[in-house]
Protein backbone atom coordinates (compact mmCIF):
# COMPACT_ATOMS: atom_id res chain seq x y z
CA UNK A 1 0.00 0.00 0.00
CA UNK A 2 1.29 3.47 -0.81
CA UNK A 3 1.47 6.16 1.82
CA UNK A 4 -1.57 8.39 2.22
CA UNK A 5 -1.05 12.10 1.64
CA UNK A 6 -1.96 14.39 4.51
CA UNK A 7 -4.30 17.26 3.68
CA UNK A 8 -1.97 20.18 4.40
CA UNK A 9 -4.75 22.74 4.85
CA UNK A 10 -6.30 20.61 7.60
CA UNK A 11 -2.92 19.85 9.18
CA UNK A 12 -2.32 23.57 9.70
CA UNK A 13 -5.70 24.04 11.37
CA UNK A 14 -5.98 21.03 13.69
CA UNK A 15 -3.69 19.53 16.31
CA UNK A 16 -4.07 16.20 18.08
CA UNK A 17 -4.23 16.04 21.86
CA UNK A 18 -2.55 13.34 23.91
CA UNK A 19 -5.72 11.25 23.94
CA UNK A 20 -6.13 11.55 20.16
CA UNK A 21 -8.89 14.17 20.08
CA UNK A 22 -8.57 17.01 17.58
CA UNK A 23 -8.17 20.56 18.83
CA UNK A 24 -9.28 23.52 16.72
CA UNK A 25 -9.42 27.30 16.96
CA UNK A 26 -12.77 29.07 17.05
CA UNK A 27 -14.09 31.15 14.15
CA UNK A 28 -15.39 34.77 14.13
CA UNK A 29 -12.30 36.41 15.60
CA UNK A 30 -10.64 37.88 12.48
CA UNK A 31 -12.48 41.18 11.90
CA UNK A 32 -15.59 43.20 12.84
CA UNK A 33 -14.62 42.92 16.49
CA UNK A 34 -16.09 46.26 17.59
CA UNK A 35 -19.65 44.95 17.82
CA UNK A 36 -18.61 41.83 19.74
CA UNK A 37 -18.55 41.97 23.52
CA UNK A 38 -15.33 41.62 25.49
CA UNK A 39 -16.66 38.42 27.05
CA UNK A 40 -17.45 36.98 23.63
CA UNK A 41 -13.98 37.81 22.26
CA UNK A 42 -12.32 36.34 25.35
CA UNK A 43 -14.21 33.06 24.89
CA UNK A 44 -13.21 32.94 21.21
CA UNK A 45 -9.54 32.84 22.26
CA UNK A 46 -9.88 29.40 23.82
CA UNK A 47 -9.37 26.33 21.70
CA UNK A 48 -12.26 23.93 21.18
CA UNK A 49 -12.44 20.21 20.46
CA UNK A 50 -13.53 18.88 17.09
CA UNK A 51 -17.14 17.64 17.11
CA UNK A 52 -17.58 13.85 17.15
CA UNK A 53 -19.64 13.89 13.93
CA UNK A 54 -16.59 15.08 11.95
CA UNK A 55 -13.95 12.81 13.49
CA UNK A 56 -14.33 9.98 10.95
CA UNK A 57 -13.69 12.28 7.97
CA UNK A 58 -10.87 14.09 9.73
CA UNK A 59 -9.02 10.82 10.40
CA UNK A 60 -9.07 10.16 6.64
CA UNK A 61 -7.50 13.48 5.66
CA UNK A 62 -5.12 13.52 8.65
CA UNK A 63 -3.88 9.90 8.72
CA UNK A 64 -0.65 10.50 10.65
CA UNK A 65 -1.82 12.97 13.30
PDB file of N, CA and C in Angstrom:
ATOM      1  N   UNK A   1       0.834  -1.197   0.000  1.00  0.00           N
ATOM      2  CA  UNK A   1       0.000   0.000   0.000  1.00  0.00           C
ATOM      3  C   UNK A   1       0.871   1.252   0.000  1.00  0.00           C
ATOM      4  N   UNK A   2       0.536   2.220  -0.839  1.00  0.00           N
ATOM      5  CA  UNK A   2       1.291   3.470  -0.813  1.00  0.00           C
ATOM      6  C   UNK A   2       0.921   4.302   0.416  1.00  0.00           C
ATOM      7  N   UNK A   3       1.762   5.253   0.711  1.00  0.00           N
ATOM      8  CA  UNK A   3       1.471   6.160   1.820  1.00  0.00           C
ATOM      9  C   UNK A   3       0.281   7.043   1.443  1.00  0.00           C
ATOM     10  N   UNK A   4      -0.438   7.492   2.449  1.00  0.00           N
ATOM     11  CA  UNK A   4      -1.569   8.395   2.219  1.00  0.00           C
ATOM     12  C   UNK A   4      -1.076   9.816   2.423  1.00  0.00           C
ATOM     13  N   UNK A   5      -1.453  10.710   1.507  1.00  0.00           N
ATOM     14  CA  UNK A   5      -1.052  12.101   1.643  1.00  0.00           C
ATOM     15  C   UNK A   5      -1.911  12.787   2.699  1.00  0.00           C
ATOM     16  N   UNK A   6      -1.262  13.587   3.525  1.00  0.00           N
ATOM     17  CA  UNK A   6      -1.961  14.388   4.513  1.00  0.00           C
ATOM     18  C   UNK A   6      -2.497  15.634   3.842  1.00  0.00           C
ATOM     19  N   UNK A   7      -3.727  16.004   4.161  1.00  0.00           N
ATOM     20  CA  UNK A   7      -4.303  17.256   3.678  1.00  0.00           C
ATOM     21  C   UNK A   7      -3.621  18.396   4.435  1.00  0.00           C
ATOM     22  N   UNK A   8      -2.792  19.166   3.742  1.00  0.00           N
ATOM     23  CA  UNK A   8      -1.967  20.183   4.399  1.00  0.00           C
ATOM     24  C   UNK A   8      -2.803  21.331   4.973  1.00  0.00           C
ATOM     25  N   UNK A   9      -3.896  21.670   4.333  1.00  0.00           N
ATOM     26  CA  UNK A   9      -4.754  22.741   4.850  1.00  0.00           C
ATOM     27  C   UNK A   9      -5.325  22.345   6.204  1.00  0.00           C
ATOM     28  N   UNK A  10      -5.748  21.094   6.334  1.00  0.00           N
ATOM     29  CA  UNK A  10      -6.295  20.612   7.605  1.00  0.00           C
ATOM     30  C   UNK A  10      -5.202  20.463   8.652  1.00  0.00           C
ATOM     31  N   UNK A  11      -4.014  20.048   8.240  1.00  0.00           N
ATOM     32  CA  UNK A  11      -2.917  19.847   9.176  1.00  0.00           C
ATOM     33  C   UNK A  11      -2.499  21.152   9.845  1.00  0.00           C
ATOM     34  N   UNK A  12      -2.665  22.267   9.135  1.00  0.00           N
ATOM     35  CA  UNK A  12      -2.319  23.569   9.705  1.00  0.00           C
ATOM     36  C   UNK A  12      -3.386  24.073  10.666  1.00  0.00           C
ATOM     37  N   UNK A  13      -4.585  23.546  10.562  1.00  0.00           N
ATOM     38  CA  UNK A  13      -5.704  24.037  11.369  1.00  0.00           C
ATOM     39  C   UNK A  13      -6.024  23.191  12.594  1.00  0.00           C
ATOM     40  N   UNK A  14      -5.620  21.930  12.592  1.00  0.00           N
ATOM     41  CA  UNK A  14      -5.978  21.026  13.686  1.00  0.00           C
ATOM     42  C   UNK A  14      -4.738  20.384  14.285  1.00  0.00           C
ATOM     43  N   UNK A  15      -4.771  20.208  15.600  1.00  0.00           N
ATOM     44  CA  UNK A  15      -3.689  19.530  16.306  1.00  0.00           C
ATOM     45  C   UNK A  15      -4.305  18.411  17.139  1.00  0.00           C
ATOM     46  N   UNK A  16      -3.580  17.325  17.281  1.00  0.00           N
ATOM     47  CA  UNK A  16      -4.074  16.201  18.079  1.00  0.00           C
ATOM     48  C   UNK A  16      -3.657  16.388  19.531  1.00  0.00           C
ATOM     49  N   UNK A  17      -4.555  16.019  20.441  1.00  0.00           N
ATOM     50  CA  UNK A  17      -4.230  16.044  21.859  1.00  0.00           C
ATOM     51  C   UNK A  17      -3.576  14.715  22.225  1.00  0.00           C
ATOM     52  N   UNK A  18      -3.188  14.569  23.463  1.00  0.00           N
ATOM     53  CA  UNK A  18      -2.546  13.340  23.914  1.00  0.00           C
ATOM     54  C   UNK A  18      -3.464  12.132  23.831  1.00  0.00           C
ATOM     55  N   UNK A  19      -4.760  12.355  23.998  1.00  0.00           N
ATOM     56  CA  UNK A  19      -5.724  11.252  23.943  1.00  0.00           C
ATOM     57  C   UNK A  19      -6.224  10.983  22.536  1.00  0.00           C
ATOM     58  N   UNK A  20      -5.754  11.780  21.550  1.00  0.00           N
ATOM     59  CA  UNK A  20      -6.135  11.549  20.164  1.00  0.00           C
ATOM     60  C   UNK A  20      -7.286  12.398  19.672  1.00  0.00           C
ATOM     61  N   UNK A  21      -7.821  13.271  20.527  1.00  0.00           N
ATOM     62  CA  UNK A  21      -8.887  14.168  20.084  1.00  0.00           C
ATOM     63  C   UNK A  21      -8.273  15.291  19.265  1.00  0.00           C
ATOM     64  N   UNK A  22      -9.075  15.926  18.415  1.00  0.00           N
ATOM     65  CA  UNK A  22      -8.571  17.008  17.579  1.00  0.00           C
ATOM     66  C   UNK A  22      -8.961  18.357  18.162  1.00  0.00           C
ATOM     67  N   UNK A  23      -7.971  19.225  18.286  1.00  0.00           N
ATOM     68  CA  UNK A  23      -8.167  20.562  18.832  1.00  0.00           C
ATOM     69  C   UNK A  23      -8.229  21.545  17.673  1.00  0.00           C
ATOM     70  N   UNK A  24      -9.130  22.532  17.779  1.00  0.00           N
ATOM     71  CA  UNK A  24      -9.279  23.525  16.721  1.00  0.00           C
ATOM     72  C   UNK A  24      -9.432  24.902  17.332  1.00  0.00           C
ATOM     73  N   UNK A  25      -9.177  25.932  16.524  1.00  0.00           N
ATOM     74  CA  UNK A  25      -9.422  27.303  16.956  1.00  0.00           C
ATOM     75  C   UNK A  25     -10.837  27.697  16.569  1.00  0.00           C
ATOM     76  N   UNK A  26     -11.402  28.629  17.313  1.00  0.00           N
ATOM     77  CA  UNK A  26     -12.769  29.070  17.048  1.00  0.00           C
ATOM     78  C   UNK A  26     -12.788  30.115  15.942  1.00  0.00           C
ATOM     79  N   UNK A  27     -13.902  30.194  15.244  1.00  0.00           N
ATOM     80  CA  UNK A  27     -14.086  31.155  14.148  1.00  0.00           C
ATOM     81  C   UNK A  27     -14.617  32.482  14.699  1.00  0.00           C
ATOM     82  N   UNK A  28     -14.784  33.465  13.821  1.00  0.00           N
ATOM     83  CA  UNK A  28     -15.386  34.772  14.125  1.00  0.00           C
ATOM     84  C   UNK A  28     -14.488  35.683  14.951  1.00  0.00           C
ATOM     85  N   UNK A  29     -13.183  35.549  14.822  1.00  0.00           N
ATOM     86  CA  UNK A  29     -12.304  36.414  15.599  1.00  0.00           C
ATOM     87  C   UNK A  29     -11.348  37.209  14.698  1.00  0.00           C
ATOM     88  N   UNK A  30     -11.568  37.235  13.396  1.00  0.00           N
ATOM     89  CA  UNK A  30     -10.639  37.885  12.481  1.00  0.00           C
ATOM     90  C   UNK A  30     -10.908  39.381  12.313  1.00  0.00           C
ATOM     91  N   UNK A  31     -12.161  39.767  12.151  1.00  0.00           N
ATOM     92  CA  UNK A  31     -12.480  41.175  11.904  1.00  0.00           C
ATOM     93  C   UNK A  31     -13.897  41.459  12.396  1.00  0.00           C
ATOM     94  N   UNK A  32     -14.302  42.708  12.303  1.00  0.00           N
ATOM     95  CA  UNK A  32     -15.589  43.196  12.837  1.00  0.00           C
ATOM     96  C   UNK A  32     -15.683  42.844  14.318  1.00  0.00           C
ATOM     97  N   UNK A  33     -14.665  43.247  15.070  1.00  0.00           N
ATOM     98  CA  UNK A  33     -14.620  42.920  16.492  1.00  0.00           C
ATOM     99  C   UNK A  33     -15.258  44.000  17.361  1.00  0.00           C
ATOM    100  N   UNK A  34     -15.560  45.162  16.786  1.00  0.00           N
ATOM    101  CA  UNK A  34     -16.090  46.259  17.593  1.00  0.00           C
ATOM    102  C   UNK A  34     -17.480  45.965  18.124  1.00  0.00           C
ATOM    103  N   UNK A  35     -18.284  45.245  17.363  1.00  0.00           N
ATOM    104  CA  UNK A  35     -19.649  44.951  17.820  1.00  0.00           C
ATOM    105  C   UNK A  35     -19.728  43.713  18.718  1.00  0.00           C
ATOM    106  N   UNK A  36     -18.623  43.004  18.870  1.00  0.00           N
ATOM    107  CA  UNK A  36     -18.612  41.827  19.738  1.00  0.00           C
ATOM    108  C   UNK A  36     -18.219  42.238  21.154  1.00  0.00           C
ATOM    109  N   UNK A  37     -18.831  41.617  22.136  1.00  0.00           N
ATOM    110  CA  UNK A  37     -18.550  41.969  23.520  1.00  0.00           C
ATOM    111  C   UNK A  37     -17.174  41.449  23.933  1.00  0.00           C
ATOM    112  N   UNK A  38     -16.634  42.050  24.982  1.00  0.00           N
ATOM    113  CA  UNK A  38     -15.333  41.621  25.492  1.00  0.00           C
ATOM    114  C   UNK A  38     -15.387  40.175  25.946  1.00  0.00           C
ATOM    115  N   UNK A  39     -16.480  39.797  26.583  1.00  0.00           N
ATOM    116  CA  UNK A  39     -16.655  38.422  27.054  1.00  0.00           C
ATOM    117  C   UNK A  39     -16.674  37.444  25.879  1.00  0.00           C
ATOM    118  N   UNK A  40     -17.361  37.821  24.821  1.00  0.00           N
ATOM    119  CA  UNK A  40     -17.450  36.977  23.631  1.00  0.00           C
ATOM    120  C   UNK A  40     -16.074  36.786  22.996  1.00  0.00           C
ATOM    121  N   UNK A  41     -15.319  37.884  22.861  1.00  0.00           N
ATOM    122  CA  UNK A  41     -13.983  37.809  22.261  1.00  0.00           C
ATOM    123  C   UNK A  41     -13.028  36.982  23.127  1.00  0.00           C
ATOM    124  N   UNK A  42     -13.157  37.108  24.432  1.00  0.00           N
ATOM    125  CA  UNK A  42     -12.322  36.336  25.348  1.00  0.00           C
ATOM    126  C   UNK A  42     -12.587  34.842  25.198  1.00  0.00           C
ATOM    127  N   UNK A  43     -13.857  34.470  25.054  1.00  0.00           N
ATOM    128  CA  UNK A  43     -14.211  33.056  24.885  1.00  0.00           C
ATOM    129  C   UNK A  43     -13.783  32.510  23.532  1.00  0.00           C
ATOM    130  N   UNK A  44     -13.665  33.378  22.532  1.00  0.00           N
ATOM    131  CA  UNK A  44     -13.211  32.943  21.208  1.00  0.00           C
ATOM    132  C   UNK A  44     -11.718  32.632  21.188  1.00  0.00           C
ATOM    133  N   UNK A  45     -10.973  33.120  22.187  1.00  0.00           N
ATOM    134  CA  UNK A  45      -9.543  32.836  22.264  1.00  0.00           C
ATOM    135  C   UNK A  45      -9.258  31.375  22.563  1.00  0.00           C
ATOM    136  N   UNK A  46     -10.112  30.768  23.356  1.00  0.00           N
ATOM    137  CA  UNK A  46      -9.879  29.404  23.822  1.00  0.00           C
ATOM    138  C   UNK A  46     -10.062  28.408  22.690  1.00  0.00           C
ATOM    139  N   UNK A  47      -9.242  27.389  22.712  1.00  0.00           N
ATOM    140  CA  UNK A  47      -9.368  26.331  21.700  1.00  0.00           C
ATOM    141  C   UNK A  47     -10.577  25.462  22.024  1.00  0.00           C
ATOM    142  N   UNK A  48     -11.121  24.819  21.007  1.00  0.00           N
ATOM    143  CA  UNK A  48     -12.263  23.929  21.175  1.00  0.00           C
ATOM    144  C   UNK A  48     -11.904  22.563  20.591  1.00  0.00           C
ATOM    145  N   UNK A  49     -12.652  21.555  20.983  1.00  0.00           N
ATOM    146  CA  UNK A  49     -12.444  20.214  20.456  1.00  0.00           C
ATOM    147  C   UNK A  49     -13.303  20.001  19.213  1.00  0.00           C
ATOM    148  N   UNK A  50     -12.796  19.210  18.299  1.00  0.00           N
ATOM    149  CA  UNK A  50     -13.532  18.882  17.091  1.00  0.00           C
ATOM    150  C   UNK A  50     -14.767  18.062  17.460  1.00  0.00           C
ATOM    151  N   UNK A  51     -15.899  18.349  16.833  1.00  0.00           N
ATOM    152  CA  UNK A  51     -17.140  17.638  17.108  1.00  0.00           C
ATOM    153  C   UNK A  51     -17.042  16.178  16.673  1.00  0.00           C
ATOM    154  N   UNK A  52     -17.667  15.290  17.420  1.00  0.00           N
ATOM    155  CA  UNK A  52     -17.578  13.849  17.152  1.00  0.00           C
ATOM    156  C   UNK A  52     -18.115  13.462  15.778  1.00  0.00           C
ATOM    157  N   UNK A  53     -19.060  14.235  15.231  1.00  0.00           N
ATOM    158  CA  UNK A  53     -19.635  13.892  13.925  1.00  0.00           C
ATOM    159  C   UNK A  53     -18.632  14.046  12.793  1.00  0.00           C
ATOM    160  N   UNK A  54     -17.579  14.840  13.003  1.00  0.00           N
ATOM    161  CA  UNK A  54     -16.589  15.076  11.949  1.00  0.00           C
ATOM    162  C   UNK A  54     -15.329  14.236  12.092  1.00  0.00           C
ATOM    163  N   UNK A  55     -15.194  13.521  13.195  1.00  0.00           N
ATOM    164  CA  UNK A  55     -13.948  12.809  13.490  1.00  0.00           C
ATOM    165  C   UNK A  55     -13.601  11.777  12.416  1.00  0.00           C
ATOM    166  N   UNK A  56     -14.581  11.038  11.935  1.00  0.00           N
ATOM    167  CA  UNK A  56     -14.328   9.980  10.950  1.00  0.00           C
ATOM    168  C   UNK A  56     -13.689  10.547   9.678  1.00  0.00           C
ATOM    169  N   UNK A  57     -14.241  11.651   9.173  1.00  0.00           N
ATOM    170  CA  UNK A  57     -13.686  12.278   7.971  1.00  0.00           C
ATOM    171  C   UNK A  57     -12.324  12.901   8.231  1.00  0.00           C
ATOM    172  N   UNK A  58     -12.136  13.449   9.411  1.00  0.00           N
ATOM    173  CA  UNK A  58     -10.865  14.086   9.732  1.00  0.00           C
ATOM    174  C   UNK A  58      -9.740  13.056   9.823  1.00  0.00           C
ATOM    175  N   UNK A  59     -10.032  11.868  10.316  1.00  0.00           N
ATOM    176  CA  UNK A  59      -9.016  10.820  10.401  1.00  0.00           C
ATOM    177  C   UNK A  59      -8.552  10.379   9.009  1.00  0.00           C
ATOM    178  N   UNK A  60      -9.433  10.508   8.007  1.00  0.00           N
ATOM    179  CA  UNK A  60      -9.070  10.163   6.635  1.00  0.00           C
ATOM    180  C   UNK A  60      -8.095  11.170   6.046  1.00  0.00           C
ATOM    181  N   UNK A  61      -8.362  12.469   6.271  1.00  0.00           N
ATOM    182  CA  UNK A  61      -7.502  13.482   5.665  1.00  0.00           C
ATOM    183  C   UNK A  61      -6.281  13.807   6.520  1.00  0.00           C
ATOM    184  N   UNK A  62      -6.275  13.346   7.775  1.00  0.00           N
ATOM    185  CA  UNK A  62      -5.117  13.515   8.650  1.00  0.00           C
ATOM    186  C   UNK A  62      -4.686  12.133   9.175  1.00  0.00           C
ATOM    187  N   UNK A  63      -4.145  11.281   8.318  1.00  0.00           N
ATOM    188  CA  UNK A  63      -3.880   9.903   8.719  1.00  0.00           C
ATOM    189  C   UNK A  63      -2.755   9.745   9.733  1.00  0.00           C
ATOM    190  N   UNK A  64      -1.820  10.691   9.797  1.00  0.00           N
ATOM    191  CA  UNK A  64      -0.650  10.498  10.651  1.00  0.00           C
ATOM    192  C   UNK A  64      -0.624  11.442  11.841  1.00  0.00           C
ATOM    193  N   UNK A  65      -1.750  12.063  12.145  1.00  0.00           N
ATOM    194  CA  UNK A  65      -1.815  12.969  13.300  1.00  0.00           C
ATOM    195  C   UNK A  65      -2.477  12.259  14.451  1.00  0.00           C
TER     196      UNK A  65
END
